[in-house]
Amino acid sequence: MLNTKDLEYMRESVEELFPDLCDILTSTKAADGMGGVNVTWSVSSRNVPCRLDHQKTLSQDEIVAGASLRPFSGYTLSLPYSEEITTNDRVTCSGITYNVVTVNTGQSWAAVRRCTLERV
């Protein structure tokens, strides 16, 4: 078993491997007065240290969507373990915006937070 000191060392070591910065965006919804909803995005966390990696698929970077093939544009985002992020958020990194598809939670020895992203 890891003790608290070991886990803290792991977290600090992982953060040294984050070459990029990203912003985490949170949505706000408001009625538009005509029965619809306006969604606006605002930065909830700015300049978060991160690492963004493109995901490769076994099927030549294509996935099946609605009985047709489309290019796969998945990414893995690594963040400090304590960073708050949900599947309702978006991320901008190097001027590109991504939807958060999944967030890892509940793992043992939480040294890093990982998310699956798709480009907007």
N, C-alpha and C. Protein backbone atom coordinates (compact mmCIF):
# COMPACT_ATOMS: atom_id res chain seq x y z
N MET A 1 0.84 -1.19 0.00
CA MET A 1 0.00 0.00 0.00
C MET A 1 0.88 1.25 0.00
N LEU A 2 0.39 2.25 -0.68
CA LEU A 2 1.07 3.54 -0.68
C LEU A 2 0.63 4.34 0.53
N ASN A 3 1.57 5.06 1.10
CA ASN A 3 1.18 5.98 2.17
C ASN A 3 0.93 7.36 1.55
N THR A 4 0.47 8.29 2.34
CA THR A 4 0.13 9.63 1.85
C THR A 4 1.32 10.33 1.23
N LYS A 5 2.49 10.17 1.83
CA LYS A 5 3.70 10.81 1.30
C LYS A 5 4.05 10.26 -0.08
N ASP A 6 3.95 8.95 -0.26
CA ASP A 6 4.23 8.34 -1.56
C ASP A 6 3.26 8.83 -2.64
N LEU A 7 1.99 8.90 -2.29
CA LEU A 7 0.98 9.34 -3.24
C LEU A 7 1.21 10.81 -3.62
N GLU A 8 1.55 11.64 -2.67
CA GLU A 8 1.84 13.04 -2.95
C GLU A 8 3.05 13.17 -3.88
N TYR A 9 4.05 12.34 -3.67
CA TYR A 9 5.24 12.33 -4.54
C TYR A 9 4.83 11.94 -5.97
N MET A 10 3.97 10.94 -6.11
CA MET A 10 3.50 10.53 -7.43
C MET A 10 2.76 11.67 -8.12
N ARG A 11 1.90 12.38 -7.38
CA ARG A 11 1.14 13.49 -7.96
C ARG A 11 2.06 14.60 -8.43
N GLU A 12 3.05 14.95 -7.64
CA GLU A 12 4.00 15.99 -8.02
C GLU A 12 4.82 15.56 -9.23
N SER A 13 5.20 14.30 -9.28
CA SER A 13 5.99 13.79 -10.40
C SER A 13 5.19 13.83 -11.69
N VAL A 14 3.92 13.45 -11.64
CA VAL A 14 3.07 13.45 -12.82
C VAL A 14 2.90 14.88 -13.35
N GLU A 15 2.71 15.84 -12.45
CA GLU A 15 2.49 17.22 -12.88
C GLU A 15 3.70 17.81 -13.61
N GLU A 16 4.87 17.27 -13.37
CA GLU A 16 6.06 17.74 -14.09
C GLU A 16 6.02 17.32 -15.56
N LEU A 17 5.14 16.40 -15.91
CA LEU A 17 5.03 15.90 -17.27
C LEU A 17 3.96 16.62 -18.10
N PHE A 18 3.39 17.70 -17.56
CA PHE A 18 2.34 18.45 -18.26
C PHE A 18 2.95 19.60 -19.05
N PRO A 19 3.10 19.46 -20.37
CA PRO A 19 3.75 20.50 -21.16
C PRO A 19 2.83 21.64 -21.61
N ASP A 20 1.51 21.46 -21.46
CA ASP A 20 0.55 22.42 -22.00
C ASP A 20 -0.27 23.08 -20.91
N LEU A 21 -1.06 24.07 -21.33
CA LEU A 21 -2.04 24.71 -20.46
C LEU A 21 -3.38 24.67 -21.17
N CYS A 22 -4.46 24.51 -20.40
CA CYS A 22 -5.79 24.53 -20.99
C CYS A 22 -6.72 25.35 -20.09
N ASP A 23 -7.87 25.70 -20.65
CA ASP A 23 -8.93 26.34 -19.88
C ASP A 23 -10.11 25.39 -19.84
N ILE A 24 -10.76 25.30 -18.69
CA ILE A 24 -11.97 24.49 -18.53
C ILE A 24 -13.16 25.44 -18.59
N LEU A 25 -14.13 25.09 -19.44
CA LEU A 25 -15.30 25.93 -19.66
C LEU A 25 -16.54 25.27 -19.08
N THR A 26 -17.38 26.07 -18.45
CA THR A 26 -18.64 25.59 -17.88
C THR A 26 -19.79 26.32 -18.58
N SER A 27 -20.88 25.61 -18.83
CA SER A 27 -22.01 26.20 -19.54
C SER A 27 -23.02 26.81 -18.58
N THR A 28 -23.67 27.84 -19.09
CA THR A 28 -24.80 28.48 -18.40
C THR A 28 -25.95 28.49 -19.39
N LYS A 29 -27.12 28.06 -18.94
CA LYS A 29 -28.28 28.01 -19.81
C LYS A 29 -29.30 29.04 -19.34
N ALA A 30 -29.90 29.74 -20.31
CA ALA A 30 -30.93 30.74 -20.00
C ALA A 30 -32.01 30.67 -21.07
N ALA A 31 -33.25 30.86 -20.64
CA ALA A 31 -34.37 30.87 -21.57
C ALA A 31 -34.20 32.01 -22.56
N ASP A 32 -34.55 31.76 -23.83
CA ASP A 32 -34.40 32.80 -24.85
C ASP A 32 -35.69 33.59 -25.07
N GLY A 33 -36.74 33.31 -24.31
CA GLY A 33 -38.00 34.03 -24.43
C GLY A 33 -38.91 33.52 -25.52
N MET A 34 -38.44 32.53 -26.29
CA MET A 34 -39.25 31.98 -27.37
C MET A 34 -39.39 30.47 -27.23
N GLY A 35 -39.22 29.96 -26.00
CA GLY A 35 -39.36 28.54 -25.74
C GLY A 35 -38.07 27.75 -25.89
N GLY A 36 -37.00 28.41 -26.27
CA GLY A 36 -35.71 27.75 -26.43
C GLY A 36 -34.75 28.11 -25.31
N VAL A 37 -33.53 27.68 -25.47
CA VAL A 37 -32.51 27.91 -24.46
C VAL A 37 -31.24 28.43 -25.14
N ASN A 38 -30.65 29.45 -24.56
CA ASN A 38 -29.34 29.93 -25.01
C ASN A 38 -28.29 29.35 -24.08
N VAL A 39 -27.23 28.81 -24.67
CA VAL A 39 -26.13 28.26 -23.89
C VAL A 39 -24.91 29.15 -24.10
N THR A 40 -24.32 29.59 -23.00
CA THR A 40 -23.08 30.36 -23.07
C THR A 40 -22.01 29.61 -22.27
N TRP A 41 -20.77 29.73 -22.74
CA TRP A 41 -19.65 29.06 -22.11
C TRP A 41 -18.72 30.09 -21.49
N SER A 42 -18.32 29.85 -20.24
CA SER A 42 -17.39 30.75 -19.57
C SER A 42 -16.28 29.92 -18.92
N VAL A 43 -15.12 30.55 -18.78
CA VAL A 43 -13.96 29.87 -18.20
C VAL A 43 -14.16 29.72 -16.70
N SER A 44 -14.10 28.47 -16.23
CA SER A 44 -14.19 28.21 -14.80
C SER A 44 -12.82 27.97 -14.18
N SER A 45 -11.86 27.48 -14.98
CA SER A 45 -10.47 27.30 -14.54
C SER A 45 -9.57 27.69 -15.70
N ARG A 46 -8.66 28.62 -15.45
CA ARG A 46 -7.79 29.14 -16.51
C ARG A 46 -6.36 28.66 -16.31
N ASN A 47 -5.67 28.39 -17.43
CA ASN A 47 -4.26 28.00 -17.43
C ASN A 47 -3.97 26.79 -16.55
N VAL A 48 -4.76 25.75 -16.74
CA VAL A 48 -4.59 24.50 -16.00
C VAL A 48 -3.48 23.69 -16.67
N PRO A 49 -2.46 23.26 -15.93
CA PRO A 49 -1.42 22.42 -16.52
C PRO A 49 -2.04 21.12 -17.04
N CYS A 50 -1.61 20.69 -18.23
CA CYS A 50 -2.22 19.49 -18.82
C CYS A 50 -1.30 18.86 -19.85
N ARG A 51 -1.75 17.71 -20.33
CA ARG A 51 -1.12 17.03 -21.47
C ARG A 51 -2.26 16.51 -22.33
N LEU A 52 -2.20 16.80 -23.63
CA LEU A 52 -3.24 16.39 -24.57
C LEU A 52 -2.63 15.40 -25.55
N ASP A 53 -3.22 14.20 -25.64
CA ASP A 53 -2.73 13.15 -26.53
C ASP A 53 -3.84 12.71 -27.47
N HIS A 54 -3.51 12.57 -28.75
CA HIS A 54 -4.46 12.07 -29.73
C HIS A 54 -4.62 10.57 -29.53
N GLN A 55 -5.85 10.07 -29.62
CA GLN A 55 -6.12 8.63 -29.50
C GLN A 55 -6.13 8.01 -30.89
N LYS A 56 -5.45 6.93 -31.03
CA LYS A 56 -5.47 6.17 -32.28
C LYS A 56 -6.47 5.04 -32.15
N THR A 57 -7.13 4.71 -33.25
CA THR A 57 -8.04 3.57 -33.25
C THR A 57 -7.44 2.47 -34.11
N LEU A 58 -7.95 1.29 -33.94
CA LEU A 58 -7.49 0.16 -34.73
C LEU A 58 -8.06 0.17 -36.14
N SER A 59 -9.07 1.01 -36.37
CA SER A 59 -9.76 0.99 -37.66
C SER A 59 -9.35 2.19 -38.53
N GLN A 60 -8.06 2.48 -38.57
CA GLN A 60 -7.54 3.53 -39.45
C GLN A 60 -8.15 4.90 -39.16
N ASP A 61 -8.34 5.23 -37.88
CA ASP A 61 -8.86 6.53 -37.48
C ASP A 61 -10.27 6.81 -37.98
N GLU A 62 -11.11 5.78 -38.02
CA GLU A 62 -12.50 5.96 -38.39
C GLU A 62 -13.39 5.23 -37.38
N ILE A 63 -14.58 5.76 -37.17
CA ILE A 63 -15.56 5.11 -36.31
C ILE A 63 -16.89 5.03 -37.06
N VAL A 64 -17.74 4.12 -36.61
CA VAL A 64 -19.07 4.00 -37.20
C VAL A 64 -20.00 4.93 -36.45
N ALA A 65 -20.69 5.77 -37.20
CA ALA A 65 -21.66 6.70 -36.63
C ALA A 65 -22.87 6.73 -37.54
N GLY A 66 -24.00 6.25 -37.04
CA GLY A 66 -25.21 6.24 -37.86
C GLY A 66 -25.05 5.44 -39.13
N ALA A 67 -24.45 4.26 -39.05
CA ALA A 67 -24.25 3.33 -40.17
C ALA A 67 -23.31 3.88 -41.24
N SER A 68 -22.52 4.88 -40.90
CA SER A 68 -21.51 5.37 -41.85
C SER A 68 -20.19 5.58 -41.11
N LEU A 69 -19.12 5.64 -41.87
CA LEU A 69 -17.81 5.86 -41.27
C LEU A 69 -17.52 7.35 -41.22
N ARG A 70 -16.91 7.78 -40.12
CA ARG A 70 -16.46 9.16 -40.03
C ARG A 70 -15.11 9.18 -39.34
N PRO A 71 -14.30 10.20 -39.61
CA PRO A 71 -12.98 10.26 -38.98
C PRO A 71 -13.11 10.30 -37.46
N PHE A 72 -12.22 9.59 -36.79
CA PHE A 72 -12.20 9.57 -35.33
C PHE A 72 -11.33 10.71 -34.84
N SER A 73 -11.85 11.52 -33.93
CA SER A 73 -11.09 12.67 -33.43
C SER A 73 -11.07 12.67 -31.91
N GLY A 74 -10.69 11.55 -31.32
CA GLY A 74 -10.65 11.44 -29.87
C GLY A 74 -9.30 11.85 -29.31
N TYR A 75 -9.34 12.33 -28.08
CA TYR A 75 -8.13 12.78 -27.39
C TYR A 75 -8.21 12.38 -25.92
N THR A 76 -7.06 12.20 -25.31
CA THR A 76 -6.98 11.98 -23.87
C THR A 76 -6.32 13.20 -23.26
N LEU A 77 -7.00 13.79 -22.28
CA LEU A 77 -6.48 14.95 -21.56
C LEU A 77 -6.10 14.51 -20.16
N SER A 78 -4.86 14.78 -19.77
CA SER A 78 -4.39 14.50 -18.41
C SER A 78 -4.27 15.81 -17.66
N LEU A 79 -4.81 15.83 -16.44
CA LEU A 79 -4.84 17.03 -15.60
C LEU A 79 -4.36 16.68 -14.20
N PRO A 80 -4.04 17.68 -13.38
CA PRO A 80 -3.76 17.39 -11.97
C PRO A 80 -4.93 16.63 -11.35
N TYR A 81 -4.64 15.68 -10.46
CA TYR A 81 -5.66 14.80 -9.90
C TYR A 81 -6.81 15.55 -9.22
N SER A 82 -6.54 16.73 -8.70
CA SER A 82 -7.55 17.46 -7.93
C SER A 82 -8.39 18.41 -8.78
N GLU A 83 -8.12 18.47 -10.08
CA GLU A 83 -8.85 19.41 -10.95
C GLU A 83 -10.30 18.97 -11.10
N GLU A 84 -11.21 19.93 -10.91
CA GLU A 84 -12.65 19.66 -11.06
C GLU A 84 -13.04 19.79 -12.53
N ILE A 85 -13.59 18.70 -13.08
CA ILE A 85 -14.06 18.69 -14.47
C ILE A 85 -15.13 17.62 -14.59
N THR A 86 -16.16 17.87 -15.41
CA THR A 86 -17.25 16.91 -15.60
C THR A 86 -17.54 16.75 -17.09
N THR A 87 -18.40 15.81 -17.42
CA THR A 87 -18.80 15.60 -18.81
C THR A 87 -19.71 16.71 -19.31
N ASN A 88 -20.09 17.64 -18.46
CA ASN A 88 -20.88 18.81 -18.89
C ASN A 88 -19.98 19.97 -19.31
N ASP A 89 -18.67 19.81 -19.16
CA ASP A 89 -17.72 20.88 -19.43
C ASP A 89 -17.13 20.78 -20.84
N ARG A 90 -16.42 21.82 -21.20
CA ARG A 90 -15.61 21.86 -22.41
C ARG A 90 -14.21 22.27 -22.01
N VAL A 91 -13.25 22.03 -22.91
CA VAL A 91 -11.86 22.39 -22.67
C VAL A 91 -11.34 23.09 -23.92
N THR A 92 -10.57 24.16 -23.72
CA THR A 92 -9.83 24.75 -24.83
C THR A 92 -8.35 24.56 -24.57
N CYS A 93 -7.64 24.13 -25.61
CA CYS A 93 -6.20 23.91 -25.52
C CYS A 93 -5.60 24.30 -26.86
N SER A 94 -4.65 25.18 -26.85
CA SER A 94 -4.00 25.67 -28.08
C SER A 94 -5.02 26.21 -29.07
N GLY A 95 -6.04 26.89 -28.57
CA GLY A 95 -7.03 27.53 -29.43
C GLY A 95 -8.10 26.61 -29.98
N ILE A 96 -8.10 25.34 -29.60
CA ILE A 96 -9.10 24.38 -30.08
C ILE A 96 -10.01 23.99 -28.93
N THR A 97 -11.31 23.89 -29.21
CA THR A 97 -12.29 23.55 -28.19
C THR A 97 -12.71 22.10 -28.32
N TYR A 98 -12.86 21.43 -27.16
CA TYR A 98 -13.22 20.02 -27.09
C TYR A 98 -14.38 19.83 -26.11
N ASN A 99 -15.25 18.87 -26.40
CA ASN A 99 -16.26 18.41 -25.44
C ASN A 99 -15.63 17.34 -24.56
N VAL A 100 -15.99 17.32 -23.28
CA VAL A 100 -15.53 16.28 -22.37
C VAL A 100 -16.51 15.11 -22.48
N VAL A 101 -16.01 13.95 -22.91
CA VAL A 101 -16.86 12.77 -23.13
C VAL A 101 -16.88 11.89 -21.88
N THR A 102 -15.71 11.64 -21.29
CA THR A 102 -15.62 10.84 -20.06
C THR A 102 -14.58 11.45 -19.13
N VAL A 103 -14.75 11.16 -17.84
CA VAL A 103 -13.78 11.56 -16.82
C VAL A 103 -13.54 10.35 -15.94
N ASN A 104 -12.25 10.01 -15.71
CA ASN A 104 -11.99 8.86 -14.84
C ASN A 104 -12.23 9.28 -13.38
N THR A 105 -12.91 8.44 -12.67
CA THR A 105 -13.18 8.69 -11.24
C THR A 105 -13.14 7.35 -10.52
N GLY A 106 -12.87 7.41 -9.25
CA GLY A 106 -12.96 6.21 -8.42
C GLY A 106 -11.79 5.26 -8.51
N GLN A 107 -10.71 5.64 -9.17
CA GLN A 107 -9.57 4.73 -9.25
C GLN A 107 -8.76 4.78 -7.96
N SER A 108 -8.03 3.73 -7.72
CA SER A 108 -7.11 3.71 -6.58
C SER A 108 -5.91 4.60 -6.91
N TRP A 109 -5.30 5.14 -5.90
CA TRP A 109 -4.08 5.92 -6.05
C TRP A 109 -4.25 7.03 -7.10
N ALA A 110 -5.21 7.89 -6.88
CA ALA A 110 -5.50 8.96 -7.83
C ALA A 110 -4.33 9.92 -7.94
N ALA A 111 -3.49 9.72 -8.96
CA ALA A 111 -2.33 10.57 -9.17
C ALA A 111 -2.55 11.55 -10.31
N VAL A 112 -3.54 11.28 -11.15
CA VAL A 112 -3.82 12.13 -12.30
C VAL A 112 -5.31 12.00 -12.65
N ARG A 113 -5.89 13.06 -13.19
CA ARG A 113 -7.28 13.02 -13.68
C ARG A 113 -7.19 12.91 -15.20
N ARG A 114 -7.86 11.92 -15.77
CA ARG A 114 -7.84 11.74 -17.23
C ARG A 114 -9.25 11.86 -17.78
N CYS A 115 -9.34 12.52 -18.93
CA CYS A 115 -10.62 12.73 -19.60
C CYS A 115 -10.47 12.32 -21.06
N THR A 116 -11.55 11.81 -21.62
CA THR A 116 -11.63 11.58 -23.06
C THR A 116 -12.34 12.79 -23.65
N LEU A 117 -11.76 13.34 -24.71
CA LEU A 117 -12.32 14.53 -25.35
C LEU A 117 -12.62 14.26 -26.81
N GLU A 118 -13.55 15.04 -27.36
CA GLU A 118 -13.78 15.06 -28.80
C GLU A 118 -13.80 16.52 -29.24
N ARG A 119 -13.24 16.75 -30.40
CA ARG A 119 -13.16 18.11 -30.91
C ARG A 119 -14.53 18.62 -31.28
N VAL A 120 -14.82 19.87 -30.92
CA VAL A 120 -16.12 20.48 -31.24
C VAL A 120 -16.13 20.87 -32.69
